[in-house]
Amino acid sequence: MVPLLIQEIFSCFVRNCTRILSEMQNIKKDRTDEMAKICRTATVLYEVLQAVVSPGKIDAETERYAKDVEMKRKQCEPYNILPLYTLGVKPRIMEFPEIKAAAHALRNVSNLPMPRMQSTPGVPRVK
Protein backbone atom coordinates (compact mmCIF):
# COMPACT_ATOMS: atom_id res chain seq x y z
CA MET A 1 0.00 0.00 0.00
CA VAL A 2 2.71 2.51 0.98
CA PRO A 3 4.87 1.95 -2.14
CA LEU A 4 1.74 2.39 -4.27
CA LEU A 5 0.97 5.68 -2.50
CA ILE A 6 4.55 6.87 -2.99
CA GLN A 7 4.37 5.96 -6.67
CA GLU A 8 1.09 7.89 -7.02
CA ILE A 9 2.59 10.98 -5.33
CA PHE A 10 5.64 10.71 -7.57
CA SER A 11 3.59 10.37 -10.77
CA CYS A 12 1.37 13.30 -9.76
CA PHE A 13 4.47 15.41 -9.06
CA VAL A 14 6.03 14.52 -12.42
CA ARG A 15 2.74 15.23 -14.25
CA ASN A 16 2.47 18.65 -12.62
CA CYS A 17 6.12 19.47 -13.27
CA THR A 18 6.00 18.54 -16.94
CA ARG A 19 2.80 20.56 -17.30
CA ILE A 20 4.35 23.57 -15.56
CA LEU A 21 7.54 23.49 -17.56
CA SER A 22 5.75 23.12 -20.88
CA GLU A 23 3.08 25.75 -20.18
CA MET A 24 5.50 28.31 -18.79
CA GLN A 25 6.98 28.68 -22.27
CA ASN A 26 3.64 29.88 -23.65
CA ILE A 27 2.21 31.60 -20.59
CA LYS A 28 -0.07 34.57 -21.01
CA LYS A 29 -0.19 37.36 -18.46
CA ASP A 30 -3.78 36.63 -17.51
CA ARG A 31 -2.90 33.05 -16.48
CA THR A 32 -0.14 33.80 -13.97
CA ASP A 33 -2.49 33.15 -11.03
CA GLU A 34 -3.29 29.70 -12.37
CA MET A 35 0.39 28.93 -12.94
CA ALA A 36 1.27 30.11 -9.43
CA LYS A 37 -1.37 27.76 -8.03
CA ILE A 38 0.04 24.84 -10.05
CA CYS A 39 3.57 25.67 -8.88
CA ARG A 40 2.43 25.74 -5.24
CA THR A 41 0.74 22.36 -5.71
CA ALA A 42 3.90 20.87 -7.19
CA THR A 43 5.97 22.31 -4.34
CA VAL A 44 3.68 20.74 -1.74
CA LEU A 45 3.77 17.40 -3.57
CA TYR A 46 7.57 17.50 -3.56
CA GLU A 47 7.61 18.25 0.17
CA VAL A 48 5.29 15.30 0.78
CA LEU A 49 7.50 13.12 -1.40
CA GLN A 50 10.54 14.17 0.64
CA ALA A 51 8.73 13.38 3.88
CA VAL A 52 7.55 9.95 2.72
CA VAL A 53 10.62 8.74 0.83
CA SER A 54 13.87 8.24 2.70
CA PRO A 55 16.67 10.68 1.84
CA GLY A 56 18.76 9.64 -1.13
CA LYS A 57 15.99 7.63 -2.78
CA ILE A 58 14.65 10.56 -4.79
CA ASP A 59 16.19 10.33 -8.25
CA ALA A 60 18.10 13.13 -9.97
CA GLU A 61 15.32 13.81 -12.48
CA THR A 62 12.85 14.51 -9.68
CA GLU A 63 15.35 16.82 -7.99
CA ARG A 64 15.82 18.65 -11.29
CA TYR A 65 12.04 19.00 -11.67
CA ALA A 66 11.81 20.40 -8.14
CA LYS A 67 14.51 23.00 -8.83
CA ASP A 68 12.86 24.00 -12.10
CA VAL A 69 9.47 24.34 -10.39
CA GLU A 70 11.00 26.47 -7.63
CA MET A 71 12.54 28.74 -10.25
CA LYS A 72 9.24 29.02 -12.14
CA ARG A 73 7.33 29.63 -8.89
CA LYS A 74 9.50 32.65 -8.17
CA GLN A 75 8.63 34.02 -11.61
CA CYS A 76 4.91 33.73 -10.83
CA GLU A 77 5.09 35.57 -7.51
CA PRO A 78 3.07 38.77 -7.60
CA TYR A 79 4.77 41.97 -6.57
CA ASN A 80 3.99 45.65 -6.32
CA ILE A 81 6.17 48.30 -7.82
CA LEU A 82 7.17 49.49 -4.34
CA PRO A 83 6.11 46.64 -2.07
CA LEU A 84 5.59 47.12 1.62
CA TYR A 85 7.72 44.88 3.76
CA THR A 86 6.86 44.85 7.41
CA LEU A 87 8.56 41.71 8.66
CA GLY A 88 12.04 42.79 7.69
CA VAL A 89 12.08 40.71 4.51
CA LYS A 90 13.19 43.09 1.81
CA PRO A 91 11.81 42.20 -1.63
CA ARG A 92 14.37 41.75 -4.38
CA ILE A 93 12.98 44.57 -6.50
CA MET A 94 13.91 47.06 -3.77
CA GLU A 95 17.60 46.32 -4.41
CA PHE A 96 17.59 47.84 -7.91
CA PRO A 97 19.32 51.24 -8.00
CA GLU A 98 16.47 52.76 -10.01
CA ILE A 99 13.90 51.64 -7.44
CA LYS A 100 16.07 52.88 -4.56
CA ALA A 101 16.35 56.28 -6.24
CA ALA A 102 12.60 56.44 -6.89
CA ALA A 103 11.78 55.51 -3.29
CA HIS A 104 14.25 58.10 -2.01
CA ALA A 105 12.71 60.77 -4.27
CA LEU A 106 9.23 59.92 -3.00
CA ARG A 107 10.38 60.31 0.60
CA ASN A 108 12.29 63.55 -0.01
CA VAL A 109 9.61 66.23 -0.08
CA SER A 110 11.31 68.85 2.09
CA ASN A 111 12.46 71.05 -0.82
CA LEU A 112 9.12 71.08 -2.61
CA PRO A 113 7.17 74.35 -2.61
CA MET A 114 4.14 74.47 -0.38
CA PRO A 115 0.84 74.56 -2.23
CA ARG A 116 -0.87 77.92 -2.36
CA MET A 117 -4.43 77.88 -1.15
CA GLN A 118 -6.66 80.13 -3.17
CA SER A 119 -9.39 81.71 -1.13
CA THR A 120 -12.91 81.20 -2.34
CA PRO A 121 -15.15 84.26 -2.16
CA GLY A 122 -17.73 83.96 0.58
CA VAL A 123 -15.89 81.20 2.47
CA PRO A 124 -14.19 82.26 5.72
CA ARG A 125 -10.47 81.44 6.07
CA VAL A 126 -9.56 78.91 8.69
CA LYS A 127 -6.38 79.66 10.60
C-alpha atoms as a PDB file:
ATOM      1  CA  MET A   1       0.000   0.000   0.000  1.00  0.00           C
ATOM      2  CA  VAL A   2       2.709   2.508   0.981  1.00  0.00           C
ATOM      3  CA  PRO A   3       4.871   1.950  -2.142  1.00  0.00           C
ATOM      4  CA  LEU A   4       1.741   2.389  -4.265  1.00  0.00           C
ATOM      5  CA  LEU A   5       0.973   5.683  -2.505  1.00  0.00           C
ATOM      6  CA  ILE A   6       4.548   6.874  -2.989  1.00  0.00           C
ATOM      7  CA  GLN A   7       4.371   5.964  -6.665  1.00  0.00           C
ATOM      8  CA  GLU A   8       1.095   7.888  -7.023  1.00  0.00           C
ATOM      9  CA  ILE A   9       2.586  10.982  -5.332  1.00  0.00           C
ATOM     10  CA  PHE A  10       5.644  10.712  -7.567  1.00  0.00           C
ATOM     11  CA  SER A  11       3.595  10.372 -10.766  1.00  0.00           C
ATOM     12  CA  CYS A  12       1.369  13.303  -9.763  1.00  0.00           C
ATOM     13  CA  PHE A  13       4.466  15.413  -9.064  1.00  0.00           C
ATOM     14  CA  VAL A  14       6.026  14.516 -12.421  1.00  0.00           C
ATOM     15  CA  ARG A  15       2.743  15.228 -14.252  1.00  0.00           C
ATOM     16  CA  ASN A  16       2.470  18.650 -12.624  1.00  0.00           C
ATOM     17  CA  CYS A  17       6.116  19.467 -13.271  1.00  0.00           C
ATOM     18  CA  THR A  18       5.997  18.544 -16.944  1.00  0.00           C
ATOM     19  CA  ARG A  19       2.802  20.562 -17.296  1.00  0.00           C
ATOM     20  CA  ILE A  20       4.351  23.568 -15.559  1.00  0.00           C
ATOM     21  CA  LEU A  21       7.540  23.487 -17.557  1.00  0.00           C
ATOM     22  CA  SER A  22       5.750  23.118 -20.882  1.00  0.00           C
ATOM     23  CA  GLU A  23       3.079  25.754 -20.183  1.00  0.00           C
ATOM     24  CA  MET A  24       5.501  28.312 -18.788  1.00  0.00           C
ATOM     25  CA  GLN A  25       6.976  28.676 -22.267  1.00  0.00           C
ATOM     26  CA  ASN A  26       3.636  29.878 -23.653  1.00  0.00           C
ATOM     27  CA  ILE A  27       2.206  31.600 -20.589  1.00  0.00           C
ATOM     28  CA  LYS A  28      -0.073  34.566 -21.008  1.00  0.00           C
ATOM     29  CA  LYS A  29      -0.185  37.357 -18.464  1.00  0.00           C
ATOM     30  CA  ASP A  30      -3.776  36.627 -17.512  1.00  0.00           C
ATOM     31  CA  ARG A  31      -2.903  33.049 -16.484  1.00  0.00           C
ATOM     32  CA  THR A  32      -0.141  33.801 -13.969  1.00  0.00           C
ATOM     33  CA  ASP A  33      -2.488  33.151 -11.031  1.00  0.00           C
ATOM     34  CA  GLU A  34      -3.289  29.702 -12.368  1.00  0.00           C
ATOM     35  CA  MET A  35       0.387  28.930 -12.944  1.00  0.00           C
ATOM     36  CA  ALA A  36       1.270  30.113  -9.435  1.00  0.00           C
ATOM     37  CA  LYS A  37      -1.370  27.757  -8.033  1.00  0.00           C
ATOM     38  CA  ILE A  38       0.035  24.842 -10.050  1.00  0.00           C
ATOM     39  CA  CYS A  39       3.570  25.665  -8.876  1.00  0.00           C
ATOM     40  CA  ARG A  40       2.433  25.737  -5.237  1.00  0.00           C
ATOM     41  CA  THR A  41       0.741  22.361  -5.707  1.00  0.00           C
ATOM     42  CA  ALA A  42       3.901  20.868  -7.193  1.00  0.00           C
ATOM     43  CA  THR A  43       5.971  22.313  -4.339  1.00  0.00           C
ATOM     44  CA  VAL A  44       3.679  20.739  -1.739  1.00  0.00           C
ATOM     45  CA  LEU A  45       3.775  17.397  -3.571  1.00  0.00           C
ATOM     46  CA  TYR A  46       7.568  17.495  -3.561  1.00  0.00           C
ATOM     47  CA  GLU A  47       7.614  18.251   0.171  1.00  0.00           C
ATOM     48  CA  VAL A  48       5.286  15.297   0.784  1.00  0.00           C
ATOM     49  CA  LEU A  49       7.496  13.119  -1.399  1.00  0.00           C
ATOM     50  CA  GLN A  50      10.543  14.175   0.637  1.00  0.00           C
ATOM     51  CA  ALA A  51       8.726  13.376   3.877  1.00  0.00           C
ATOM     52  CA  VAL A  52       7.552   9.949   2.723  1.00  0.00           C
ATOM     53  CA  VAL A  53      10.619   8.741   0.826  1.00  0.00           C
ATOM     54  CA  SER A  54      13.865   8.244   2.704  1.00  0.00           C
ATOM     55  CA  PRO A  55      16.672  10.676   1.838  1.00  0.00           C
ATOM     56  CA  GLY A  56      18.764   9.644  -1.134  1.00  0.00           C
ATOM     57  CA  LYS A  57      15.989   7.625  -2.775  1.00  0.00           C
ATOM     58  CA  ILE A  58      14.654  10.558  -4.793  1.00  0.00           C
ATOM     59  CA  ASP A  59      16.186  10.333  -8.254  1.00  0.00           C
ATOM     60  CA  ALA A  60      18.098  13.134  -9.974  1.00  0.00           C
ATOM     61  CA  GLU A  61      15.321  13.812 -12.480  1.00  0.00           C
ATOM     62  CA  THR A  62      12.846  14.511  -9.679  1.00  0.00           C
ATOM     63  CA  GLU A  63      15.352  16.822  -7.989  1.00  0.00           C
ATOM     64  CA  ARG A  64      15.818  18.654 -11.295  1.00  0.00           C
ATOM     65  CA  TYR A  65      12.042  19.002 -11.670  1.00  0.00           C
ATOM     66  CA  ALA A  66      11.812  20.399  -8.138  1.00  0.00           C
ATOM     67  CA  LYS A  67      14.512  22.997  -8.829  1.00  0.00           C
ATOM     68  CA  ASP A  68      12.856  24.003 -12.099  1.00  0.00           C
ATOM     69  CA  VAL A  69       9.469  24.343 -10.391  1.00  0.00           C
ATOM     70  CA  GLU A  70      10.997  26.469  -7.634  1.00  0.00           C
ATOM     71  CA  MET A  71      12.539  28.744 -10.248  1.00  0.00           C
ATOM     72  CA  LYS A  72       9.238  29.024 -12.137  1.00  0.00           C
ATOM     73  CA  ARG A  73       7.331  29.628  -8.892  1.00  0.00           C
ATOM     74  CA  LYS A  74       9.499  32.653  -8.169  1.00  0.00           C
ATOM     75  CA  GLN A  75       8.633  34.022 -11.607  1.00  0.00           C
ATOM     76  CA  CYS A  76       4.912  33.735 -10.827  1.00  0.00           C
ATOM     77  CA  GLU A  77       5.086  35.566  -7.507  1.00  0.00           C
ATOM     78  CA  PRO A  78       3.072  38.768  -7.600  1.00  0.00           C
ATOM     79  CA  TYR A  79       4.768  41.973  -6.572  1.00  0.00           C
ATOM     80  CA  ASN A  80       3.986  45.646  -6.317  1.00  0.00           C
ATOM     81  CA  ILE A  81       6.175  48.302  -7.825  1.00  0.00           C
ATOM     82  CA  LEU A  82       7.168  49.488  -4.340  1.00  0.00           C
ATOM     83  CA  PRO A  83       6.111  46.637  -2.069  1.00  0.00           C
ATOM     84  CA  LEU A  84       5.591  47.121   1.620  1.00  0.00           C
ATOM     85  CA  TYR A  85       7.723  44.875   3.765  1.00  0.00           C
ATOM     86  CA  THR A  86       6.861  44.846   7.415  1.00  0.00           C
ATOM     87  CA  LEU A  87       8.555  41.710   8.662  1.00  0.00           C
ATOM     88  CA  GLY A  88      12.044  42.787   7.689  1.00  0.00           C
ATOM     89  CA  VAL A  89      12.084  40.707   4.513  1.00  0.00           C
ATOM     90  CA  LYS A  90      13.191  43.094   1.813  1.00  0.00           C
ATOM     91  CA  PRO A  91      11.805  42.203  -1.632  1.00  0.00           C
ATOM     92  CA  ARG A  92      14.368  41.746  -4.377  1.00  0.00           C
ATOM     93  CA  ILE A  93      12.984  44.565  -6.498  1.00  0.00           C
ATOM     94  CA  MET A  94      13.908  47.055  -3.769  1.00  0.00           C
ATOM     95  CA  GLU A  95      17.601  46.317  -4.411  1.00  0.00           C
ATOM     96  CA  PHE A  96      17.589  47.839  -7.910  1.00  0.00           C
ATOM     97  CA  PRO A  97      19.320  51.239  -8.003  1.00  0.00           C
ATOM     98  CA  GLU A  98      16.471  52.761 -10.015  1.00  0.00           C
ATOM     99  CA  ILE A  99      13.902  51.642  -7.443  1.00  0.00           C
ATOM    100  CA  LYS A 100      16.068  52.876  -4.556  1.00  0.00           C
ATOM    101  CA  ALA A 101      16.353  56.282  -6.239  1.00  0.00           C
ATOM    102  CA  ALA A 102      12.603  56.443  -6.890  1.00  0.00           C
ATOM    103  CA  ALA A 103      11.775  55.512  -3.293  1.00  0.00           C
ATOM    104  CA  HIS A 104      14.248  58.103  -2.011  1.00  0.00           C
ATOM    105  CA  ALA A 105      12.714  60.766  -4.274  1.00  0.00           C
ATOM    106  CA  LEU A 106       9.234  59.924  -3.001  1.00  0.00           C
ATOM    107  CA  ARG A 107      10.378  60.310   0.598  1.00  0.00           C
ATOM    108  CA  ASN A 108      12.294  63.549  -0.007  1.00  0.00           C
ATOM    109  CA  VAL A 109       9.608  66.229  -0.083  1.00  0.00           C
ATOM    110  CA  SER A 110      11.313  68.851   2.091  1.00  0.00           C
ATOM    111  CA  ASN A 111      12.459  71.055  -0.820  1.00  0.00           C
ATOM    112  CA  LEU A 112       9.124  71.083  -2.611  1.00  0.00           C
ATOM    113  CA  PRO A 113       7.166  74.348  -2.609  1.00  0.00           C
ATOM    114  CA  MET A 114       4.144  74.470  -0.385  1.00  0.00           C
ATOM    115  CA  PRO A 115       0.839  74.564  -2.234  1.00  0.00           C
ATOM    116  CA  ARG A 116      -0.875  77.923  -2.358  1.00  0.00           C
ATOM    117  CA  MET A 117      -4.431  77.877  -1.149  1.00  0.00           C
ATOM    118  CA  GLN A 118      -6.665  80.131  -3.168  1.00  0.00           C
ATOM    119  CA  SER A 119      -9.389  81.706  -1.130  1.00  0.00           C
ATOM    120  CA  THR A 120     -12.912  81.197  -2.345  1.00  0.00           C
ATOM    121  CA  PRO A 121     -15.151  84.258  -2.160  1.00  0.00           C
ATOM    122  CA  GLY A 122     -17.731  83.958   0.578  1.00  0.00           C
ATOM    123  CA  VAL A 123     -15.886  81.200   2.472  1.00  0.00           C
ATOM    124  CA  PRO A 124     -14.188  82.263   5.718  1.00  0.00           C
ATOM    125  CA  ARG A 125     -10.471  81.439   6.074  1.00  0.00           C
ATOM    126  CA  VAL A 126      -9.559  78.909   8.693  1.00  0.00           C
ATOM    127  CA  LYS A 127      -6.377  79.664  10.601  1.00  0.00           C
END
